């Protein structure tokens, strides 16, 4: 269950930033103003066909593999009205159904509460032992194939495609964030790591980025190696640099039971970078003292709804 957040510490970090160079195509940039009008996909006006409203499991052949995914289409889906599209990448030990059971990291609860039409997708990982691939780009091909399918068959707002994930799902999300900046409007990574996962050559294009890491996380550490620039800290710094912040800042980390969320100045308003730190371990569910509310889900929803 996801509840409303009651407590949060929002620290605005002020840092010196250099100039920002846009590397995206003008058509992408033109669509990515804050609160821009929806950009319908080729599926605008098409009947659902093989899809249906509600939750269903489908199979697609991608990169020579049969891959499954669950898609959740709103009951009031209107093919003439573009929908936001949110991918939820499951963790190790979880499956696509885990995402359905957990309301896609709690985001569906907020979508229903706020009456925002969202199509949710939970791709199934490759194997139980290693859900997302570490040595090749077949998950990237899988993502691209799914995105192309949905854009063609459904009315997707192509300017509002998002991805989120926890643990291994966060690692997969981070990997995608280096490769699909022109497709993804924003991502949310809960305990990301930039090692033991396939990482493409970073395109160094701008992307709105939100992440969280517990100070006591021993699996996806905030800093795994400074020498190798491994850890959640370096996931944040990578997107700060790509968004135009030329001087790497010191990143505030929590020292008390109340979490600290930092939004870094120096990024274009269309491409914010936000980091949530909390005293705790490896989790995508965290609450402040006196509150049972999962501030991670709430902040993710608020972040995605900026755009």
Protein backbone atom coordinates (compact mmCIF):
# COMPACT_ATOMS: atom_id res chain seq x y z
CA UNK A 1 0.00 0.00 0.00
CA UNK A 2 1.24 3.48 -0.85
CA UNK A 3 0.15 6.36 1.35
CA UNK A 4 0.57 10.11 1.23
CA UNK A 5 3.87 11.43 2.53
CA UNK A 6 3.78 13.58 5.65
CA UNK A 7 7.41 14.43 6.23
CA UNK A 8 10.28 15.24 3.94
CA UNK A 9 13.38 17.34 3.95
CA UNK A 10 13.96 19.02 0.61
CA UNK A 11 17.42 20.50 0.32
CA UNK A 12 18.06 22.70 -2.67
CA UNK A 13 21.73 22.32 -3.52
CA UNK A 14 23.24 25.35 -5.20
CA UNK A 15 26.21 24.64 -7.38
CA UNK A 16 28.09 26.40 -10.13
CA UNK A 17 27.17 25.09 -13.55
CA UNK A 18 28.72 25.54 -16.95
CA UNK A 19 26.96 26.05 -20.21
CA UNK A 20 24.52 23.44 -21.44
CA UNK A 21 24.75 22.14 -24.97
CA UNK A 22 21.69 20.53 -26.49
CA UNK A 23 22.54 17.35 -28.35
CA UNK A 24 18.94 16.26 -28.98
CA UNK A 25 17.15 16.68 -32.26
CA UNK A 26 15.19 19.94 -32.49
CA UNK A 27 11.89 18.07 -32.79
CA UNK A 28 12.56 16.31 -29.48
CA UNK A 29 13.58 19.52 -27.76
CA UNK A 30 10.56 21.39 -29.07
CA UNK A 31 8.26 18.81 -27.50
CA UNK A 32 10.02 18.81 -24.16
CA UNK A 33 8.97 22.06 -22.65
CA UNK A 34 7.47 21.74 -19.19
CA UNK A 35 3.77 20.90 -19.42
CA UNK A 36 3.96 20.70 -23.21
CA UNK A 37 0.92 19.54 -25.16
CA UNK A 38 0.78 15.74 -25.58
CA UNK A 39 2.49 14.31 -28.65
CA UNK A 40 0.32 11.41 -29.92
CA UNK A 41 1.93 8.35 -31.45
CA UNK A 42 1.03 6.54 -34.68
CA UNK A 43 -1.54 4.51 -32.73
CA UNK A 44 -3.75 7.56 -32.25
CA UNK A 45 -7.33 6.65 -33.16
CA UNK A 46 -6.62 2.95 -33.69
CA UNK A 47 -8.81 0.23 -32.18
CA UNK A 48 -7.13 -1.81 -29.44
CA UNK A 49 -6.87 -4.88 -31.66
CA UNK A 50 -4.83 -7.56 -29.87
CA UNK A 51 -4.68 -5.44 -26.71
CA UNK A 52 -7.45 -4.98 -24.20
CA UNK A 53 -8.26 -2.67 -21.32
CA UNK A 54 -7.01 -3.91 -17.98
CA UNK A 55 -4.04 -6.15 -17.28
CA UNK A 56 -2.89 -8.84 -19.69
CA UNK A 57 0.24 -10.86 -20.47
CA UNK A 58 1.70 -10.88 -23.97
CA UNK A 59 4.71 -12.34 -25.76
CA UNK A 60 6.98 -10.70 -28.31
CA UNK A 61 9.92 -12.05 -30.28
CA UNK A 62 12.88 -9.76 -29.76
CA UNK A 63 16.57 -10.27 -30.59
CA UNK A 64 15.78 -13.91 -31.39
CA UNK A 65 14.20 -14.54 -27.99
CA UNK A 66 10.59 -14.99 -26.89
CA UNK A 67 10.04 -12.33 -24.23
CA UNK A 68 6.99 -11.77 -22.07
CA UNK A 69 5.56 -8.59 -20.64
CA UNK A 70 2.47 -7.46 -18.77
CA UNK A 71 0.68 -4.37 -20.00
CA UNK A 72 -1.92 -2.51 -17.95
CA UNK A 73 -4.23 -0.28 -20.01
CA UNK A 74 -6.68 2.03 -18.18
CA UNK A 75 -10.30 0.93 -18.13
CA UNK A 76 -11.28 4.30 -19.59
CA UNK A 77 -8.57 4.27 -22.28
CA UNK A 78 -9.57 6.49 -25.20
CA UNK A 79 -7.60 5.85 -28.43
CA UNK A 80 -8.02 9.53 -29.29
CA UNK A 81 -6.33 10.74 -26.10
CA UNK A 82 -2.57 10.15 -25.64
CA UNK A 83 -1.55 8.26 -22.49
CA UNK A 84 1.61 8.48 -20.48
CA UNK A 85 3.66 5.28 -20.66
CA UNK A 86 5.59 3.97 -17.66
CA UNK A 87 7.89 0.93 -17.75
CA UNK A 88 8.53 -0.82 -14.42
CA UNK A 89 11.62 -3.05 -14.41
CA UNK A 90 11.48 -5.76 -11.75
CA UNK A 91 14.18 -6.65 -9.27
CA UNK A 92 16.11 -9.92 -8.90
CA UNK A 93 13.81 -12.40 -7.20
CA UNK A 94 10.79 -10.63 -8.65
CA UNK A 95 8.89 -10.97 -11.88
CA UNK A 96 6.60 -8.92 -14.07
CA UNK A 97 3.67 -10.04 -11.90
CA UNK A 98 5.50 -8.60 -8.89
CA UNK A 99 5.17 -5.21 -10.52
CA UNK A 100 1.42 -5.70 -10.95
CA UNK A 101 1.05 -6.81 -7.31
CA UNK A 102 3.07 -3.80 -6.14
CA UNK A 103 1.07 -1.40 -8.32
CA UNK A 104 4.14 -0.73 -10.49
CA UNK A 105 6.23 0.56 -7.59
CA UNK A 106 3.13 2.24 -6.19
CA UNK A 107 2.73 4.60 -9.13
CA UNK A 108 -0.59 3.17 -10.30
CA UNK A 109 -2.10 4.15 -6.95
CA UNK A 110 -1.24 7.78 -7.62
CA UNK A 111 -2.39 7.60 -11.24
CA UNK A 112 -5.79 6.34 -10.11
CA UNK A 113 -5.99 8.88 -7.31
CA UNK A 114 -5.19 11.78 -9.62
CA UNK A 115 -7.21 10.44 -12.58
CA UNK A 116 -4.16 10.51 -14.85
CA UNK A 117 -4.36 8.06 -17.79
CA UNK A 118 -1.23 5.91 -17.72
CA UNK A 119 -0.32 2.73 -19.57
CA UNK A 120 1.94 0.64 -17.34
CA UNK A 121 4.28 -2.04 -18.69
CA UNK A 122 6.25 -4.66 -16.76
CA UNK A 123 8.74 -6.51 -18.99
CA UNK A 124 9.80 -9.96 -17.78
CA UNK A 125 13.51 -10.44 -17.15
CA UNK A 126 15.62 -12.96 -19.01
CA UNK A 127 16.14 -15.57 -16.26
CA UNK A 128 15.39 -15.97 -12.55
CA UNK A 129 19.10 -15.93 -11.67
CA UNK A 130 20.00 -12.93 -13.82
CA UNK A 131 16.86 -11.05 -14.88
CA UNK A 132 18.59 -8.32 -16.89
CA UNK A 133 21.49 -9.04 -19.18
CA UNK A 134 25.01 -8.09 -18.18
CA UNK A 135 27.00 -8.78 -21.36
CA UNK A 136 24.91 -7.76 -24.36
CA UNK A 137 22.27 -5.30 -25.49
CA UNK A 138 19.35 -7.69 -25.94
CA UNK A 139 17.37 -5.99 -23.16
CA UNK A 140 17.86 -2.70 -24.99
CA UNK A 141 16.52 -4.30 -28.16
CA UNK A 142 13.60 -5.68 -26.10
CA UNK A 143 12.83 -2.22 -24.76
CA UNK A 144 13.07 -0.64 -28.23
CA UNK A 145 10.80 -3.32 -29.72
CA UNK A 146 8.19 -2.85 -27.00
CA UNK A 147 8.27 0.91 -27.35
CA UNK A 148 7.87 0.69 -31.14
CA UNK A 149 4.96 -1.73 -30.73
CA UNK A 150 3.10 0.45 -28.25
CA UNK A 151 3.63 3.60 -30.28
CA UNK A 152 2.21 1.87 -33.34
CA UNK A 153 -0.76 0.13 -31.73
CA UNK A 154 -1.69 2.49 -28.89
CA UNK A 155 -2.03 6.21 -28.44
CA UNK A 156 1.11 6.92 -26.45
CA UNK A 157 2.21 10.42 -25.54
CA UNK A 158 5.68 10.11 -27.06
CA UNK A 159 6.91 13.09 -25.02
CA UNK A 160 6.01 11.35 -21.73
CA UNK A 161 7.60 7.91 -21.66
CA UNK A 162 9.14 6.93 -18.32
CA UNK A 163 11.02 4.02 -16.75
CA UNK A 164 11.65 3.03 -13.14
CA UNK A 165 13.12 0.09 -11.27
CA UNK A 166 14.62 -1.19 -8.01
CA UNK A 167 17.91 -3.04 -7.49
CA UNK A 168 18.61 -5.10 -10.64
CA UNK A 169 15.61 -3.35 -12.21
CA UNK A 170 17.24 -0.05 -11.31
CA UNK A 171 20.47 -1.17 -12.93
CA UNK A 172 18.55 -2.01 -16.10
CA UNK A 173 16.78 1.36 -15.93
CA UNK A 174 20.08 3.18 -15.51
CA UNK A 175 21.52 1.30 -18.48
CA UNK A 176 18.55 2.37 -20.61
CA UNK A 177 18.99 5.95 -19.42
CA UNK A 178 22.35 6.13 -21.19
CA UNK A 179 20.94 4.96 -24.51
CA UNK A 180 17.33 6.14 -24.89
CA UNK A 181 17.46 9.79 -23.88
CA UNK A 182 15.44 10.81 -26.95
CA UNK A 183 12.71 8.31 -26.05
CA UNK A 184 12.62 8.52 -22.27
CA UNK A 185 11.45 11.76 -20.69
CA UNK A 186 12.60 10.79 -17.21
CA UNK A 187 13.68 7.76 -15.20
CA UNK A 188 13.62 6.81 -11.52
CA UNK A 189 16.29 4.48 -10.14
CA UNK A 190 15.90 2.98 -6.66
CA UNK A 191 19.32 1.70 -5.54
CA UNK A 192 21.05 1.87 -8.92
CA UNK A 193 24.45 0.40 -9.73
CA UNK A 194 26.64 1.01 -12.75
CA UNK A 195 28.54 -2.27 -12.63
CA UNK A 196 27.55 -5.92 -13.21
CA UNK A 197 25.11 -4.76 -15.90
CA UNK A 198 25.42 -4.13 -19.62
CA UNK A 199 26.22 -0.46 -20.11
CA UNK A 200 26.09 1.06 -23.59
CA UNK A 201 28.27 3.89 -24.72
CA UNK A 202 26.68 6.92 -23.10
CA UNK A 203 25.13 9.20 -25.71
CA UNK A 204 25.60 12.15 -23.31
CA UNK A 205 22.16 13.58 -24.05
CA UNK A 206 19.95 15.25 -21.51
CA UNK A 207 17.47 13.30 -19.41
CA UNK A 208 15.44 14.04 -16.27
CA UNK A 209 16.87 11.76 -13.58
CA UNK A 210 15.64 10.78 -10.10
CA UNK A 211 17.36 8.25 -7.85
CA UNK A 212 17.56 7.05 -4.27
CA UNK A 213 20.15 5.09 -2.31
CA UNK A 214 20.28 4.14 1.36
CA UNK A 215 23.43 5.04 3.25
CA UNK A 216 23.71 1.44 4.50
CA UNK A 217 23.00 -0.26 1.17
CA UNK A 218 25.58 -3.04 0.89
CA UNK A 219 24.38 -4.45 -2.45
CA UNK A 220 24.07 -1.41 -4.71
CA UNK A 221 26.38 0.85 -2.78
CA UNK A 222 26.32 4.61 -2.89
CA UNK A 223 30.07 4.33 -3.54
CA UNK A 224 31.41 0.97 -4.65
CA UNK A 225 34.71 2.33 -6.02
CA UNK A 226 35.79 5.92 -6.33
CA UNK A 227 38.69 4.87 -8.53
CA UNK A 228 36.35 3.13 -10.99
CA UNK A 229 33.56 5.67 -10.49
CA UNK A 230 31.16 2.95 -9.43
CA UNK A 231 28.10 3.46 -7.27
CA UNK A 232 24.82 5.33 -7.04
CA UNK A 233 26.77 8.55 -6.51
CA UNK A 234 28.32 8.22 -9.96
CA UNK A 235 24.95 7.50 -11.57
CA UNK A 236 23.86 10.91 -10.29
CA UNK A 237 27.08 12.62 -11.35
CA UNK A 238 26.86 11.14 -14.85
CA UNK A 239 23.44 12.65 -15.49
CA UNK A 240 24.43 15.93 -13.88
CA UNK A 241 27.34 16.17 -16.33
CA UNK A 242 25.15 15.19 -19.26
CA UNK A 243 22.64 17.87 -18.23
CA UNK A 244 25.27 20.59 -18.25
CA UNK A 245 26.75 20.69 -14.74
CA UNK A 246 30.48 20.93 -15.43
CA UNK A 247 31.74 21.03 -11.83
CA UNK A 248 30.93 17.79 -9.93
CA UNK A 249 29.16 18.83 -6.73
CA UNK A 250 29.30 17.38 -3.26
CA UNK A 251 26.07 15.43 -2.85
CA UNK A 252 24.30 15.69 0.53
CA UNK A 253 23.59 12.35 2.23
CA UNK A 254 21.23 11.73 5.12
CA UNK A 255 22.63 11.53 8.64
CA UNK A 256 19.34 11.36 10.58
CA UNK A 257 16.24 9.16 10.22
CA UNK A 258 14.56 11.86 8.10
CA UNK A 259 15.46 11.56 4.45
CA UNK A 260 17.12 14.32 2.45
CA UNK A 261 16.11 14.97 -1.14
CA UNK A 262 18.39 17.24 -3.14
CA UNK A 263 17.54 18.93 -6.42
CA UNK A 264 20.67 20.25 -8.07
CA UNK A 265 20.78 23.70 -9.55
CA UNK A 266 22.54 24.21 -12.84
CA UNK A 267 20.41 21.79 -14.85
CA UNK A 268 17.89 23.09 -17.40
CA UNK A 269 14.43 23.25 -15.83
CA UNK A 270 13.25 20.69 -18.39
CA UNK A 271 15.93 18.22 -17.26
CA UNK A 272 16.23 18.21 -13.46
CA UNK A 273 18.42 15.79 -11.50
CA UNK A 274 17.14 14.82 -8.05
CA UNK A 275 18.66 12.49 -5.44
CA UNK A 276 16.98 11.09 -2.32
CA UNK A 277 19.26 9.91 0.48
CA UNK A 278 18.11 8.07 3.59
CA UNK A 279 19.67 6.19 6.49
CA UNK A 280 18.83 2.61 5.58
CA UNK A 281 19.64 -0.38 3.45
CA UNK A 282 18.69 -1.92 0.12
CA UNK A 283 15.04 -1.00 -0.43
CA UNK A 284 12.56 0.89 -2.59
CA UNK A 285 10.26 1.52 0.38
CA UNK A 286 11.30 4.11 2.95
CA UNK A 287 9.40 6.28 5.40
CA UNK A 288 10.31 9.09 7.75
CA UNK A 289 9.79 8.96 11.54
CA UNK A 290 6.13 9.19 12.48
CA UNK A 291 4.97 8.27 8.99
CA UNK A 292 4.28 4.98 7.29
CA UNK A 293 4.25 6.68 3.93
CA UNK A 294 6.62 5.58 1.18
CA UNK A 295 8.17 8.89 0.19
CA UNK A 296 10.10 7.20 -2.66
CA UNK A 297 6.92 6.36 -4.58
CA UNK A 298 5.40 9.77 -3.82
CA UNK A 299 8.49 11.68 -4.96
CA UNK A 300 8.74 9.57 -8.11
CA UNK A 301 5.14 10.33 -9.04
CA UNK A 302 5.60 14.03 -8.36
CA UNK A 303 8.80 13.99 -10.42
CA UNK A 304 7.18 12.29 -13.40
CA UNK A 305 4.19 14.62 -13.20
CA UNK A 306 6.37 17.69 -13.68
CA UNK A 307 6.55 16.89 -17.35
